[in-house]
N, C-alpha and C. Protein backbone atom coordinates (compact mmCIF):
# COMPACT_ATOMS: atom_id res chain seq x y z
N MET A 1 18.14 42.37 71.44
CA MET A 1 18.32 41.27 72.36
C MET A 1 17.63 41.63 73.67
N LEU A 2 16.95 40.66 74.26
CA LEU A 2 16.27 40.85 75.53
C LEU A 2 16.88 39.90 76.56
N PHE A 3 17.35 40.45 77.66
CA PHE A 3 17.90 39.66 78.75
C PHE A 3 16.81 39.40 79.78
N ALA A 4 16.72 38.16 80.26
CA ALA A 4 15.70 37.82 81.26
C ALA A 4 16.25 36.76 82.20
N ASP A 5 15.66 36.67 83.40
CA ASP A 5 16.11 35.68 84.36
C ASP A 5 15.34 34.37 84.19
N ARG A 6 15.60 33.43 85.07
CA ARG A 6 15.04 32.08 84.95
C ARG A 6 13.52 32.02 85.08
N GLY A 7 12.91 33.03 85.64
CA GLY A 7 11.47 33.05 85.77
C GLY A 7 10.75 33.08 84.43
N TYR A 8 11.44 33.46 83.37
CA TYR A 8 10.84 33.55 82.04
C TYR A 8 11.31 32.41 81.14
N ASP A 9 11.88 31.36 81.73
CA ASP A 9 12.39 30.23 80.95
C ASP A 9 11.22 29.35 80.50
N HIS A 10 10.68 29.66 79.35
CA HIS A 10 9.59 28.88 78.77
C HIS A 10 9.62 29.08 77.26
N ASP A 11 9.35 28.03 76.53
CA ASP A 11 9.37 28.11 75.07
C ASP A 11 8.38 29.13 74.53
N LYS A 12 7.26 29.30 75.23
CA LYS A 12 6.24 30.26 74.79
C LYS A 12 6.82 31.66 74.71
N TYR A 13 7.59 32.07 75.72
CA TYR A 13 8.17 33.41 75.73
C TYR A 13 9.24 33.57 74.65
N ARG A 14 10.04 32.54 74.49
CA ARG A 14 11.08 32.60 73.45
C ARG A 14 10.43 32.72 72.06
N ARG A 15 9.39 31.95 71.83
CA ARG A 15 8.70 31.97 70.54
C ARG A 15 8.08 33.34 70.27
N LEU A 16 7.43 33.93 71.29
CA LEU A 16 6.81 35.26 71.11
C LEU A 16 7.87 36.32 70.80
N LEU A 17 9.01 36.23 71.46
CA LEU A 17 10.07 37.21 71.19
C LEU A 17 10.61 37.05 69.77
N ARG A 18 10.84 35.82 69.36
CA ARG A 18 11.37 35.60 68.01
C ARG A 18 10.39 36.06 66.93
N GLN A 19 9.10 35.91 67.18
CA GLN A 19 8.09 36.38 66.23
C GLN A 19 8.16 37.89 66.05
N ARG A 20 8.59 38.59 67.08
CA ARG A 20 8.71 40.05 67.01
C ARG A 20 10.10 40.50 66.57
N GLY A 21 10.95 39.54 66.24
CA GLY A 21 12.29 39.87 65.77
C GLY A 21 13.27 40.20 66.88
N ILE A 22 12.96 39.75 68.10
CA ILE A 22 13.82 40.01 69.25
C ILE A 22 14.54 38.73 69.62
N ARG A 23 15.85 38.81 69.78
CA ARG A 23 16.63 37.63 70.14
C ARG A 23 16.62 37.48 71.66
N PRO A 24 16.08 36.35 72.19
CA PRO A 24 16.02 36.19 73.64
C PRO A 24 17.35 35.68 74.22
N ALA A 25 17.69 36.21 75.38
CA ALA A 25 18.83 35.72 76.17
C ALA A 25 18.28 35.42 77.55
N ILE A 26 17.63 34.28 77.67
CA ILE A 26 16.93 33.91 78.90
C ILE A 26 17.71 32.80 79.59
N ALA A 27 18.02 32.99 80.86
CA ALA A 27 18.71 31.96 81.63
C ALA A 27 17.82 30.73 81.75
N GLU A 28 18.43 29.56 81.71
CA GLU A 28 17.67 28.31 81.77
C GLU A 28 17.64 27.77 83.18
N ARG A 29 16.49 27.23 83.55
CA ARG A 29 16.34 26.61 84.87
C ARG A 29 17.16 25.34 84.94
N GLY A 30 17.71 25.09 86.11
CA GLY A 30 18.47 23.87 86.32
C GLY A 30 19.90 23.92 85.81
N GLN A 31 20.27 25.00 85.17
CA GLN A 31 21.63 25.15 84.67
C GLN A 31 22.42 25.99 85.67
N PRO A 32 23.71 25.72 85.79
CA PRO A 32 24.51 26.52 86.72
C PRO A 32 24.61 27.97 86.25
N HIS A 33 24.84 28.86 87.21
CA HIS A 33 25.01 30.27 86.89
C HIS A 33 26.28 30.46 86.08
N GLY A 34 26.43 31.61 85.53
CA GLY A 34 27.64 31.90 84.77
C GLY A 34 27.33 32.34 83.36
N THR A 35 26.07 32.63 83.06
CA THR A 35 25.71 33.08 81.72
C THR A 35 26.10 34.53 81.50
N GLY A 36 26.36 35.26 82.58
CA GLY A 36 26.72 36.66 82.45
C GLY A 36 25.52 37.59 82.47
N LEU A 37 24.31 37.05 82.58
CA LEU A 37 23.13 37.90 82.59
C LEU A 37 23.08 38.78 83.83
N GLY A 38 23.63 38.33 84.93
CA GLY A 38 23.61 39.10 86.16
C GLY A 38 24.35 40.42 86.05
N THR A 39 25.32 40.48 85.17
CA THR A 39 26.08 41.71 84.98
C THR A 39 25.17 42.83 84.51
N PHE A 40 24.34 42.56 83.55
CA PHE A 40 23.43 43.57 83.02
C PHE A 40 22.34 43.89 84.02
N ARG A 41 21.85 42.89 84.71
CA ARG A 41 20.76 43.11 85.67
C ARG A 41 21.23 44.02 86.81
N TRP A 42 22.47 43.83 87.27
CA TRP A 42 22.96 44.62 88.37
C TRP A 42 23.02 46.09 87.98
N ILE A 43 23.37 46.38 86.75
CA ILE A 43 23.44 47.77 86.28
C ILE A 43 22.05 48.40 86.33
N VAL A 44 21.05 47.67 85.90
CA VAL A 44 19.68 48.19 85.90
C VAL A 44 19.21 48.41 87.33
N GLU A 45 19.42 47.44 88.21
CA GLU A 45 18.98 47.57 89.60
C GLU A 45 19.69 48.71 90.31
N ARG A 46 20.97 48.90 90.01
CA ARG A 46 21.72 50.00 90.62
C ARG A 46 21.16 51.34 90.16
N THR A 47 20.84 51.46 88.89
CA THR A 47 20.31 52.71 88.37
C THR A 47 18.95 53.03 88.98
N ILE A 48 18.10 52.03 89.11
CA ILE A 48 16.79 52.24 89.75
C ILE A 48 16.98 52.66 91.20
N SER A 49 17.97 52.08 91.87
CA SER A 49 18.26 52.45 93.25
C SER A 49 18.69 53.92 93.33
N TRP A 50 19.52 54.36 92.41
CA TRP A 50 19.94 55.77 92.41
C TRP A 50 18.74 56.68 92.20
N LEU A 51 17.85 56.31 91.30
CA LEU A 51 16.67 57.13 91.05
C LEU A 51 15.75 57.17 92.26
N HIS A 52 15.69 56.08 93.02
CA HIS A 52 14.85 56.06 94.22
C HIS A 52 15.44 56.91 95.34
N GLY A 53 16.68 57.36 95.16
CA GLY A 53 17.28 58.28 96.12
C GLY A 53 16.60 59.64 96.10
N PHE A 54 15.87 59.91 95.05
CA PHE A 54 15.11 61.15 94.95
C PHE A 54 13.68 60.84 95.39
N ARG A 55 13.29 61.39 96.53
CA ARG A 55 11.99 61.04 97.13
C ARG A 55 10.82 61.25 96.17
N ARG A 56 10.92 62.26 95.37
CA ARG A 56 9.80 62.58 94.48
C ARG A 56 9.60 61.49 93.42
N LEU A 57 10.65 60.74 93.12
CA LEU A 57 10.56 59.67 92.13
C LEU A 57 10.25 58.32 92.75
N ARG A 58 10.48 58.19 94.04
CA ARG A 58 10.23 56.90 94.71
C ARG A 58 8.77 56.51 94.60
N ILE A 59 7.90 57.46 94.85
CA ILE A 59 6.46 57.27 94.66
C ILE A 59 6.00 58.35 93.69
N ARG A 60 5.31 57.95 92.68
CA ARG A 60 4.90 58.92 91.66
C ARG A 60 3.68 59.69 92.15
N TRP A 61 3.89 60.99 92.38
CA TRP A 61 2.82 61.85 92.85
C TRP A 61 2.20 62.65 91.70
N GLU A 62 2.97 62.93 90.68
CA GLU A 62 2.48 63.74 89.57
C GLU A 62 1.50 62.94 88.72
N ARG A 63 0.44 63.59 88.34
CA ARG A 63 -0.53 62.93 87.46
C ARG A 63 -0.15 63.09 86.00
N ARG A 64 0.54 64.17 85.70
CA ARG A 64 0.92 64.42 84.31
C ARG A 64 2.24 63.74 83.99
N ASP A 65 2.26 63.06 82.84
CA ASP A 65 3.45 62.33 82.42
C ASP A 65 4.62 63.26 82.14
N ASP A 66 4.35 64.42 81.56
CA ASP A 66 5.44 65.31 81.19
C ASP A 66 6.19 65.84 82.42
N ILE A 67 5.47 66.09 83.50
CA ILE A 67 6.12 66.57 84.72
C ILE A 67 6.96 65.46 85.33
N HIS A 68 6.43 64.25 85.38
CA HIS A 68 7.19 63.12 85.93
C HIS A 68 8.45 62.87 85.10
N GLU A 69 8.30 62.95 83.78
CA GLU A 69 9.46 62.74 82.90
C GLU A 69 10.50 63.84 83.10
N ALA A 70 10.05 65.06 83.36
CA ALA A 70 10.98 66.16 83.63
C ALA A 70 11.77 65.90 84.91
N PHE A 71 11.10 65.41 85.96
CA PHE A 71 11.82 65.07 87.19
C PHE A 71 12.80 63.92 86.97
N LEU A 72 12.42 62.96 86.15
CA LEU A 72 13.35 61.87 85.82
C LEU A 72 14.60 62.43 85.12
N GLY A 73 14.39 63.34 84.17
CA GLY A 73 15.51 63.95 83.47
C GLY A 73 16.42 64.73 84.41
N LEU A 74 15.83 65.47 85.33
CA LEU A 74 16.63 66.21 86.32
C LEU A 74 17.43 65.26 87.20
N ALA A 75 16.81 64.16 87.62
CA ALA A 75 17.50 63.19 88.47
C ALA A 75 18.68 62.57 87.73
N VAL A 76 18.49 62.23 86.46
CA VAL A 76 19.58 61.65 85.68
C VAL A 76 20.71 62.66 85.51
N CYS A 77 20.37 63.92 85.28
CA CYS A 77 21.40 64.96 85.17
C CYS A 77 22.19 65.10 86.47
N LEU A 78 21.50 65.10 87.60
CA LEU A 78 22.19 65.21 88.89
C LEU A 78 23.07 64.00 89.17
N ILE A 79 22.58 62.82 88.87
CA ILE A 79 23.37 61.59 89.08
C ILE A 79 24.63 61.64 88.21
N THR A 80 24.47 62.03 86.94
CA THR A 80 25.61 62.11 86.04
C THR A 80 26.61 63.17 86.52
N HIS A 81 26.11 64.31 86.94
CA HIS A 81 26.99 65.38 87.44
C HIS A 81 27.80 64.91 88.65
N ARG A 82 27.17 64.21 89.56
CA ARG A 82 27.89 63.71 90.73
C ARG A 82 29.00 62.74 90.35
N HIS A 83 28.74 61.89 89.36
CA HIS A 83 29.75 60.92 88.97
C HIS A 83 30.90 61.58 88.19
N VAL A 84 30.58 62.59 87.40
CA VAL A 84 31.63 63.31 86.68
C VAL A 84 32.50 64.08 87.66
N GLN A 85 31.90 64.65 88.71
CA GLN A 85 32.69 65.37 89.71
C GLN A 85 33.69 64.45 90.40
N ARG A 86 33.31 63.22 90.63
CA ARG A 86 34.22 62.27 91.28
C ARG A 86 35.41 61.94 90.39
N LEU A 87 35.20 62.00 89.08
CA LEU A 87 36.30 61.68 88.15
C LEU A 87 37.29 62.83 88.03
N CYS A 88 36.84 64.05 88.27
CA CYS A 88 37.72 65.23 88.09
C CYS A 88 38.55 65.49 89.33
């Protein structure tokens, strides 16, 4: 399933997704809010915000993908560790 906002509300996008076997969950223009799509979007935006808290990830300086991916992994470990500490 693919969640998308109203900017992608077009039959062309829905058709392309279905051809690839992906079920679209796209908000429709002109319809009132309340589809619940914002719940998932907020989680993604919050996670990106946490990752941008690490200066090295805010702007990608590394040319090698493996090094950048290693920094991403370290950032996720640190974020998870901080949240687990709050629970204990």
